[in-house]
Amino acid sequence: MKLLDKYNRVNLIAAIIIMLITGGIYYLAISSILINEKDKALEVEEHEIFDYVKLNHRLPQVFESPDQQISFSKVPKSSITRQFINTTYYKNANEPESGRGLISFIDMGQDYYRILIVESKVETEYLIQIIFGITIGVILLLLLALVIINRLILNRLWQPFYNILGELKLFHVSGTRNIPHLNSSVDEFNELHKEVSAMAARVKQEYQNLKSFTENASHELLTPIAIINSKLDTLIQTENLNESQSKLLTDLYGAVNRLNRLNQSMLLLVKVENGLLKDKALVNLKDLTEEMIIQFEEIFQNKNLTVHYELDEKQVYANRHLMEILISNLLSNAIRHNHSGGEIKINLTGDSLTIQNTGDKVPLNNDEIFTRFHKSSSSEGSGLGLTISKQICENFNFSLQYSFHKSYHQFSISF
């Protein structure tokens, strides 16, 4: 859930709860005020009765009234307590309404009378409903205005944050794009932008330092590796070597060759990551794949591998040398991690190039197979082949994915 939506939800829920509580309090207050006014009217009528009795020494005559009823009844002395009550007001025999009454008493010497004055509360309740309805309408209007204003204002208020987030999504450590300057009236966003820009600059600088170190180290290793290879060639061709010495030189020669391949892979990875191989042209993948299959044919036979392939016509706009390396790496990987008598399936369509191979019955770890120098304990590779392949695909906006399906390890390039 987005922060803005979460804030609006919390704000709206809090506002509704507060409005309900204050609305209830407001309703009780208005109701209490209007009932108090009704009680005062009943007291006025009570005083008029007392004044009439005091002046005339008899009870007043009772008349029918549409909104008030007065009744007198003789009761034992001191048996009545003065009080206000909620009762029923009968407009006529068939129309009971809610009413407010006052029970009082009057002492006329030898006689003691109970006085009941009842007035209809219909108009009072109707007025309360109107006031409460208007209040609820105002509350709903305020809530609607609050939601709209929050959405409009907060969207504009948080726009610098979304701008920074968008720039972070576009940021690439090896790219040339810098995070643009931000002008905001909010100090926190300016500080956030400042720290993000500083962090991006540090990351780029450290990456450049690491890249320069890797490139320089690889270049510096070329000469000593070449010298070692030359000396080993000379030693291997020397006569009078015993079996132990020959084996030792052969092992050294193999180790130096692996070191040379690793060094070449590191140089290639640096070039690919930095886009130094920029020459692009239309590459016929069907022809290129067939050429690579022919190049690997002897290796397929040596390991007794059966190769099935179906290749449709497909052209991509890319660097031919890098596409050769990409297909070569994937084929080498399919051979290296296969078993004798296994299978390799190659399928090229207009949407993808898929290479499947038999091998271990356990799927590879998808989170690690494209990590630099990650390889199985039995592998003799450099651990950079799939990393280079992944980087080549990213350079040309292709997608390289691994999956395990029906005992086949599958690498798919989606164009």
Protein backbone atom coordinates (compact mmCIF):
# COMPACT_ATOMS: atom_id res chain seq x y z
CA MET A 1 0.00 0.00 0.00
CA LYS A 2 1.29 3.44 -0.91
CA LEU A 3 2.13 5.87 1.89
CA LEU A 4 -0.38 8.41 0.56
CA ASP A 5 -3.21 5.85 0.52
CA LYS A 6 -2.29 4.61 3.98
CA TYR A 7 -2.18 8.16 5.34
CA ASN A 8 -5.56 8.96 3.74
CA ARG A 9 -7.08 5.78 5.16
CA VAL A 10 -5.81 6.45 8.70
CA ASN A 11 -6.80 10.10 8.44
CA LEU A 12 -10.27 9.24 7.15
CA ILE A 13 -10.89 6.57 9.82
CA ALA A 14 -9.70 8.93 12.56
CA ALA A 15 -11.88 11.74 11.17
CA ILE A 16 -14.95 9.46 11.00
CA ILE A 17 -14.44 8.26 14.59
CA ILE A 18 -13.96 11.81 15.84
CA MET A 19 -17.00 13.02 13.87
CA LEU A 20 -19.16 10.19 15.24
CA ILE A 21 -18.14 10.93 18.82
CA THR A 22 -18.57 14.69 18.44
CA GLY A 23 -21.82 14.11 16.49
CA GLY A 24 -23.18 12.02 19.36
CA ILE A 25 -22.14 14.64 21.89
CA TYR A 26 -23.65 17.37 19.71
CA TYR A 27 -26.93 15.43 19.40
CA LEU A 28 -27.15 14.93 23.16
CA ALA A 29 -26.35 18.60 23.78
CA ILE A 30 -28.99 19.89 21.31
CA SER A 31 -31.53 17.41 22.65
CA SER A 32 -30.80 18.48 26.22
CA ILE A 33 -31.12 22.18 25.33
CA LEU A 34 -34.45 21.73 23.53
CA ILE A 35 -35.86 19.51 26.30
CA ASN A 36 -34.75 22.12 28.82
CA GLU A 37 -36.68 24.71 26.83
CA LYS A 38 -39.72 22.42 26.85
CA ASP A 39 -39.37 22.00 30.64
CA LYS A 40 -39.31 25.78 31.08
CA ALA A 41 -42.55 26.03 29.09
CA LEU A 42 -44.11 23.42 31.38
CA GLU A 43 -42.95 25.41 34.41
CA VAL A 44 -44.54 28.56 33.00
CA GLU A 45 -47.83 26.71 32.66
CA GLU A 46 -47.42 25.37 36.20
CA HIS A 47 -46.92 28.90 37.59
CA GLU A 48 -49.99 30.12 35.71
CA ILE A 49 -52.04 27.40 37.41
CA PHE A 50 -50.65 28.37 40.80
CA ASP A 51 -51.40 32.05 40.14
CA TYR A 52 -54.93 31.25 39.01
CA VAL A 53 -55.64 29.09 42.09
CA LYS A 54 -54.18 31.72 44.40
CA LEU A 55 -56.36 34.39 42.86
CA ASN A 56 -59.59 32.44 42.42
CA HIS A 57 -59.27 29.73 45.12
CA ARG A 58 -60.30 27.03 42.68
CA LEU A 59 -58.80 24.95 39.92
CA PRO A 60 -58.77 26.41 36.42
CA GLN A 61 -61.08 25.00 33.82
CA VAL A 62 -59.40 22.53 31.48
CA PHE A 63 -59.68 23.19 27.75
CA GLU A 64 -58.74 20.97 24.82
CA SER A 65 -55.49 22.10 23.18
CA PRO A 66 -53.75 20.66 20.09
CA ASP A 67 -50.31 20.64 21.74
CA GLN A 68 -50.94 20.62 25.46
CA GLN A 69 -52.98 18.59 27.95
CA ILE A 70 -53.63 19.42 31.61
CA SER A 71 -55.33 17.13 34.08
CA PHE A 72 -56.11 17.32 37.81
CA SER A 73 -56.73 14.41 40.14
CA LYS A 74 -57.38 14.36 43.86
CA VAL A 75 -54.79 12.35 45.76
CA PRO A 76 -53.76 11.82 49.40
CA LYS A 77 -51.82 14.67 50.85
CA SER A 78 -48.03 14.61 50.43
CA SER A 79 -48.19 11.58 48.09
CA ILE A 80 -46.84 13.45 45.03
CA THR A 81 -43.25 14.34 44.19
CA ARG A 82 -42.68 17.07 41.66
CA GLN A 83 -40.82 15.73 38.60
CA PHE A 84 -40.40 15.93 34.82
CA ILE A 85 -41.19 12.80 32.86
CA ASN A 86 -41.13 11.47 29.33
CA THR A 87 -44.58 10.18 28.55
CA THR A 88 -47.07 9.70 25.76
CA TYR A 89 -49.10 12.55 24.38
CA TYR A 90 -52.44 11.59 22.84
CA LYS A 91 -53.37 14.02 20.13
CA ASN A 92 -56.52 11.99 19.88
CA ALA A 93 -57.40 8.49 20.90
CA ASN A 94 -55.73 6.89 17.91
CA GLU A 95 -52.62 9.06 17.51
CA PRO A 96 -50.17 8.67 20.40
CA GLU A 97 -47.07 10.85 20.23
CA SER A 98 -44.00 11.23 22.38
CA GLY A 99 -44.50 13.91 25.02
CA ARG A 100 -42.84 15.71 27.88
CA GLY A 101 -44.71 16.02 31.12
CA LEU A 102 -44.52 17.74 34.47
CA ILE A 103 -46.04 16.15 37.54
CA SER A 104 -46.76 18.70 40.25
CA PHE A 105 -49.22 19.21 43.12
CA ILE A 106 -51.30 21.95 44.69
CA ASP A 107 -52.69 22.16 48.22
CA MET A 108 -56.10 23.77 48.41
CA GLY A 109 -56.64 23.47 52.13
CA GLN A 110 -58.69 20.37 52.69
CA ASP A 111 -58.07 19.02 49.18
CA TYR A 112 -54.76 17.93 47.64
CA TYR A 113 -54.52 17.71 43.84
CA ARG A 114 -52.04 16.09 41.47
CA ILE A 115 -51.31 18.23 38.41
CA LEU A 116 -50.18 16.59 35.14
CA ILE A 117 -49.14 18.93 32.34
CA VAL A 118 -48.16 17.17 29.09
CA GLU A 119 -46.91 18.77 25.89
CA SER A 120 -46.11 17.10 22.56
CA LYS A 121 -42.42 16.64 21.71
CA VAL A 122 -43.04 15.99 18.00
CA GLU A 123 -41.96 19.47 16.92
CA THR A 124 -38.95 19.37 19.24
CA GLU A 125 -37.85 15.97 17.92
CA TYR A 126 -38.45 17.11 14.36
CA LEU A 127 -36.27 20.16 15.00
CA ILE A 128 -33.57 17.92 16.52
CA GLN A 129 -33.69 15.66 13.45
CA ILE A 130 -33.36 18.64 11.11
CA ILE A 131 -30.42 20.05 13.07
CA PHE A 132 -28.76 16.63 13.28
CA GLY A 133 -29.38 15.97 9.58
CA ILE A 134 -27.82 19.29 8.64
CA THR A 135 -24.90 18.52 10.95
CA ILE A 136 -24.36 15.07 9.40
CA GLY A 137 -24.51 16.63 5.92
CA VAL A 138 -21.90 19.22 6.91
CA ILE A 139 -19.72 16.47 8.42
CA LEU A 140 -19.91 14.35 5.25
CA LEU A 141 -19.16 17.42 3.13
CA LEU A 142 -16.16 18.19 5.34
CA LEU A 143 -14.93 14.58 5.08
CA LEU A 144 -15.25 14.66 1.30
CA ALA A 145 -13.45 18.00 1.16
CA LEU A 146 -10.78 16.60 3.51
CA VAL A 147 -10.16 13.58 1.27
CA ILE A 148 -10.00 15.67 -1.91
CA ILE A 149 -7.78 18.34 -0.38
CA ASN A 150 -5.49 15.72 1.17
CA ARG A 151 -5.15 13.90 -2.14
CA LEU A 152 -4.45 17.08 -4.09
CA ILE A 153 -2.16 18.71 -1.54
CA LEU A 154 -0.32 15.55 -0.49
CA ASN A 155 0.22 14.50 -4.10
CA ARG A 156 1.91 17.81 -4.75
CA LEU A 157 3.68 17.74 -1.39
CA TRP A 158 5.14 14.28 -2.02
CA GLN A 159 6.02 14.91 -5.67
CA PRO A 160 9.72 15.62 -4.88
CA PHE A 161 9.93 12.25 -3.12
CA TYR A 162 8.49 10.46 -6.15
CA ASN A 163 10.93 12.37 -8.37
CA ILE A 164 13.85 11.15 -6.26
CA LEU A 165 12.45 7.60 -6.30
CA GLY A 166 12.10 7.73 -10.10
CA GLU A 167 15.70 8.89 -10.46
CA LEU A 168 16.87 6.05 -8.22
CA LYS A 169 15.06 3.55 -10.44
CA LEU A 170 16.87 4.95 -13.49
CA PHE A 171 20.23 5.08 -11.72
CA HIS A 172 22.85 2.61 -12.89
CA VAL A 173 26.27 2.37 -11.36
CA SER A 174 27.98 2.08 -14.74
CA GLY A 175 25.80 4.68 -16.49
CA THR A 176 26.54 8.32 -17.20
CA ARG A 177 23.21 9.65 -15.93
CA ASN A 178 23.45 11.87 -12.85
CA ILE A 179 20.64 12.61 -10.40
CA PRO A 180 19.34 16.08 -11.38
CA HIS A 181 19.09 19.01 -8.99
CA LEU A 182 15.93 19.24 -6.88
CA ASN A 183 14.21 22.42 -5.76
CA SER A 184 11.72 21.85 -2.96
CA SER A 185 10.26 24.03 -0.25
CA VAL A 186 10.46 21.07 2.16
CA ASP A 187 13.78 20.85 3.97
CA GLU A 188 13.51 17.08 4.52
CA PHE A 189 13.20 16.39 0.78
CA ASN A 190 16.15 18.67 0.03
CA GLU A 191 18.22 16.84 2.63
CA LEU A 192 17.12 13.46 1.25
CA HIS A 193 18.08 14.54 -2.27
CA LYS A 194 21.45 15.78 -1.04
CA GLU A 195 22.25 12.48 0.67
CA VAL A 196 21.01 10.38 -2.27
CA SER A 197 23.13 12.40 -4.71
CA ALA A 198 26.18 12.07 -2.46
CA MET A 199 25.61 8.32 -2.11
CA ALA A 200 25.23 7.90 -5.89
CA ALA A 201 28.44 9.85 -6.47
CA ARG A 202 30.34 7.70 -3.94
CA VAL A 203 29.02 4.48 -5.46
CA LYS A 204 29.99 5.59 -8.97
CA GLN A 205 33.46 6.62 -7.81
CA GLU A 206 34.03 3.33 -6.01
CA TYR A 207 32.76 1.43 -9.04
CA GLN A 208 35.10 3.37 -11.33
CA ASN A 209 38.01 2.65 -9.00
CA LEU A 210 37.15 -1.05 -8.92
CA LYS A 211 36.70 -1.14 -12.69
CA SER A 212 40.03 0.59 -13.27
CA PHE A 213 41.73 -1.78 -10.85
CA THR A 214 40.24 -4.85 -12.55
CA GLU A 215 41.09 -3.61 -16.02
CA ASN A 216 44.61 -2.57 -15.09
CA ALA A 217 45.25 -5.76 -13.17
CA SER A 218 44.03 -7.87 -16.10
CA HIS A 219 46.21 -5.95 -18.55
CA GLU A 220 49.23 -6.23 -16.25
CA LEU A 221 48.71 -9.98 -15.97
CA LEU A 222 48.81 -10.49 -19.75
CA THR A 223 52.57 -10.08 -20.04
CA PRO A 224 53.65 -12.38 -17.17
CA ILE A 225 51.10 -15.00 -18.25
CA ALA A 226 52.48 -14.87 -21.79
CA ILE A 227 56.06 -15.19 -20.49
CA ILE A 228 55.10 -18.15 -18.27
CA ASN A 229 53.36 -19.83 -21.22
CA SER A 230 56.44 -19.32 -23.39
CA LYS A 231 58.79 -20.73 -20.75
CA LEU A 232 56.51 -23.71 -20.16
CA ASP A 233 56.38 -24.40 -23.91
CA THR A 234 60.17 -24.39 -23.95
CA LEU A 235 60.38 -26.68 -20.92
CA ILE A 236 57.82 -29.14 -22.31
CA GLN A 237 59.81 -29.43 -25.53
CA THR A 238 63.00 -30.13 -23.55
CA GLU A 239 64.30 -33.68 -23.91
CA ASN A 240 65.30 -36.02 -21.13
CA LEU A 241 62.29 -35.15 -18.90
CA ASN A 242 61.19 -37.99 -16.69
CA GLU A 243 57.53 -38.90 -16.21
CA SER A 244 57.18 -37.00 -12.93
CA GLN A 245 58.64 -33.82 -14.41
CA SER A 246 56.43 -34.09 -17.51
CA LYS A 247 53.31 -34.47 -15.35
CA LEU A 248 54.34 -31.50 -13.22
CA LEU A 249 54.89 -29.30 -16.29
CA THR A 250 51.58 -30.44 -17.79
CA ASP A 251 49.73 -29.49 -14.58
CA LEU A 252 51.46 -26.12 -14.53
CA TYR A 253 50.59 -25.58 -18.17
CA GLY A 254 46.93 -26.36 -17.49
CA ALA A 255 46.84 -24.05 -14.48
CA VAL A 256 48.37 -21.20 -16.47
CA ASN A 257 45.85 -21.77 -19.27
CA ARG A 258 43.00 -21.54 -16.75
CA LEU A 259 44.55 -18.37 -15.36
CA ASN A 260 44.78 -16.96 -18.88
CA ARG A 261 41.12 -17.82 -19.59
CA LEU A 262 40.07 -16.19 -16.31
CA ASN A 263 42.08 -13.08 -17.16
CA GLN A 264 40.52 -12.90 -20.63
CA SER A 265 37.05 -13.35 -19.12
CA MET A 266 37.64 -10.52 -16.66
CA LEU A 267 38.79 -8.22 -19.45
CA LEU A 268 35.78 -9.17 -21.53
CA LEU A 269 33.38 -8.58 -18.62
CA VAL A 270 34.82 -5.10 -18.04
CA LYS A 271 34.38 -4.28 -21.74
CA VAL A 272 30.83 -5.61 -21.83
CA GLU A 273 29.78 -3.83 -18.63
CA ASN A 274 31.13 -0.53 -19.88
CA GLY A 275 29.69 -0.86 -23.38
CA LEU A 276 33.10 -0.74 -25.04
CA LEU A 277 31.97 -3.16 -27.76
CA LYS A 278 29.46 -0.87 -29.42
CA ASP A 279 29.54 -2.04 -33.03
CA LYS A 280 26.09 -3.33 -33.92
CA ALA A 281 24.61 -4.89 -37.03
CA LEU A 282 21.89 -7.30 -38.01
CA VAL A 283 22.97 -10.76 -36.89
CA ASN A 284 21.38 -13.88 -38.35
CA LEU A 285 21.00 -16.04 -35.27
CA LYS A 286 20.07 -19.15 -37.21
CA ASP A 287 23.33 -19.09 -39.20
CA LEU A 288 25.38 -18.11 -36.16
CA THR A 289 23.92 -20.91 -34.02
CA GLU A 290 24.54 -23.48 -36.75
CA GLU A 291 28.17 -22.29 -36.98
CA MET A 292 28.61 -22.66 -33.22
CA ILE A 293 27.07 -26.15 -33.25
CA ILE A 294 29.54 -27.19 -35.97
CA GLN A 295 32.46 -25.77 -33.94
CA PHE A 296 31.40 -27.81 -30.89
CA GLU A 297 30.65 -30.98 -32.91
CA GLU A 298 33.90 -32.72 -31.98
CA ILE A 299 33.34 -31.96 -28.28
CA PHE A 300 29.79 -33.35 -28.55
CA GLN A 301 31.18 -36.58 -30.00
CA ASN A 302 33.96 -36.87 -27.42
CA LYS A 303 31.43 -36.70 -24.61
CA ASN A 304 28.93 -38.86 -26.50
CA LEU A 305 26.24 -36.15 -26.41
CA THR A 306 23.16 -36.22 -28.62
CA VAL A 307 22.24 -32.80 -29.98
CA HIS A 308 18.74 -31.95 -31.26
CA TYR A 309 18.05 -28.54 -32.69
CA GLU A 310 15.25 -26.70 -34.44
CA LEU A 311 16.19 -23.27 -35.73
CA ASP A 312 13.81 -20.73 -37.22
CA GLU A 313 14.92 -17.62 -39.03
CA LYS A 314 15.70 -14.84 -36.58
CA GLN A 315 17.71 -11.63 -36.87
CA VAL A 316 18.72 -9.34 -34.02
CA TYR A 317 20.45 -5.97 -33.96
CA ALA A 318 23.53 -6.63 -31.85
CA ASN A 319 27.30 -7.06 -31.81
CA ARG A 320 28.17 -10.27 -33.66
CA HIS A 321 31.26 -10.99 -31.55
CA LEU A 322 29.26 -10.71 -28.31
CA MET A 323 26.48 -12.92 -29.70
CA GLU A 324 29.12 -15.56 -30.53
CA ILE A 325 30.41 -15.36 -26.97
CA LEU A 326 26.86 -15.58 -25.59
CA ILE A 327 25.94 -18.72 -27.54
CA SER A 328 29.39 -20.24 -26.94
CA ASN A 329 29.11 -19.74 -23.19
CA LEU A 330 25.66 -21.32 -23.03
CA LEU A 331 26.76 -24.30 -25.16
CA SER A 332 29.92 -24.73 -23.08
CA ASN A 333 27.83 -24.64 -19.94
CA ALA A 334 25.43 -27.28 -21.37
CA ILE A 335 28.42 -29.51 -22.22
CA ARG A 336 30.37 -28.97 -18.99
CA HIS A 337 27.41 -29.78 -16.73
CA ASN A 338 26.16 -32.73 -18.80
CA HIS A 339 26.96 -36.40 -18.41
CA SER A 340 28.28 -38.86 -20.93
CA GLY A 341 25.49 -40.05 -23.21
CA GLY A 342 23.35 -37.05 -22.32
CA GLU A 343 21.27 -34.76 -24.49
CA ILE A 344 21.30 -31.14 -25.57
CA LYS A 345 18.25 -29.49 -27.15
CA ILE A 346 18.50 -26.16 -28.97
CA ASN A 347 15.39 -24.33 -30.11
CA LEU A 348 15.35 -20.96 -31.87
CA THR A 349 12.05 -19.13 -32.51
CA GLY A 350 11.12 -15.58 -33.32
CA ASP A 351 10.78 -14.85 -29.59
CA SER A 352 13.53 -16.81 -27.88
CA LEU A 353 16.60 -19.04 -28.02
CA THR A 354 16.42 -22.00 -25.63
CA ILE A 355 19.24 -24.40 -24.74
CA GLN A 356 18.37 -27.46 -22.64
CA ASN A 357 20.69 -30.12 -21.29
CA THR A 358 20.54 -33.19 -19.12
CA GLY A 359 22.71 -33.31 -16.01
CA ASP A 360 22.18 -33.30 -12.27
CA LYS A 361 18.65 -34.16 -11.20
CA VAL A 362 18.63 -31.21 -8.79
CA PRO A 363 17.81 -27.67 -10.07
CA LEU A 364 20.42 -24.95 -9.70
CA ASN A 365 20.05 -22.05 -7.29
CA ASN A 366 18.42 -19.29 -9.35
CA ASP A 367 19.78 -16.60 -7.01
CA GLU A 368 23.41 -17.62 -7.48
CA ILE A 369 23.94 -19.00 -10.99
CA PHE A 370 24.54 -15.54 -12.50
CA THR A 371 26.78 -14.41 -9.62
CA ARG A 372 30.45 -13.78 -10.41
CA PHE A 373 32.80 -16.70 -9.71
CA HIS A 374 29.93 -18.93 -8.60
CA LYS A 375 30.44 -22.47 -9.86
CA SER A 376 30.02 -26.03 -8.71
CA SER A 377 32.88 -27.85 -7.02
CA SER A 378 33.32 -30.13 -10.05
CA SER A 379 33.38 -27.32 -12.62
CA GLU A 380 36.62 -26.36 -14.32
CA GLY A 381 35.24 -23.06 -15.63
CA SER A 382 36.13 -19.58 -14.46
CA GLY A 383 32.74 -18.90 -12.87
CA LEU A 384 32.26 -15.86 -15.14
CA GLY A 385 30.61 -17.45 -18.19
CA LEU A 386 27.00 -17.02 -17.10
CA THR A 387 27.78 -13.60 -15.59
CA ILE A 388 29.13 -12.45 -18.96
CA SER A 389 26.13 -13.98 -20.75
CA LYS A 390 23.72 -12.16 -18.43
CA GLN A 391 25.53 -8.85 -18.97
CA ILE A 392 25.51 -9.28 -22.76
CA CYS A 393 21.76 -9.89 -22.69
CA GLU A 394 21.19 -6.80 -20.56
CA ASN A 395 23.28 -4.70 -22.97
CA PHE A 396 20.95 -5.63 -25.83
CA ASN A 397 17.74 -5.54 -23.73
CA PHE A 398 17.39 -9.32 -23.89
CA SER A 399 16.30 -11.44 -20.92
CA LEU A 400 18.27 -14.50 -19.81
CA GLN A 401 16.38 -16.88 -17.52
CA TYR A 402 17.10 -20.29 -15.97
CA SER A 403 14.55 -23.01 -15.24
CA PHE A 404 14.49 -26.74 -14.49
CA HIS A 405 11.84 -28.74 -16.32
CA LYS A 406 11.43 -32.50 -16.59
CA SER A 407 15.07 -33.29 -15.69
CA TYR A 408 16.38 -30.70 -18.15
CA HIS A 409 18.33 -27.59 -17.16
CA GLN A 410 17.11 -24.78 -19.43
CA PHE A 411 18.53 -21.36 -20.28
CA SER A 412 16.25 -19.14 -22.33
CA ILE A 413 17.09 -15.86 -24.05
CA SER A 414 13.97 -13.81 -24.69
CA PHE A 415 14.31 -11.13 -27.35
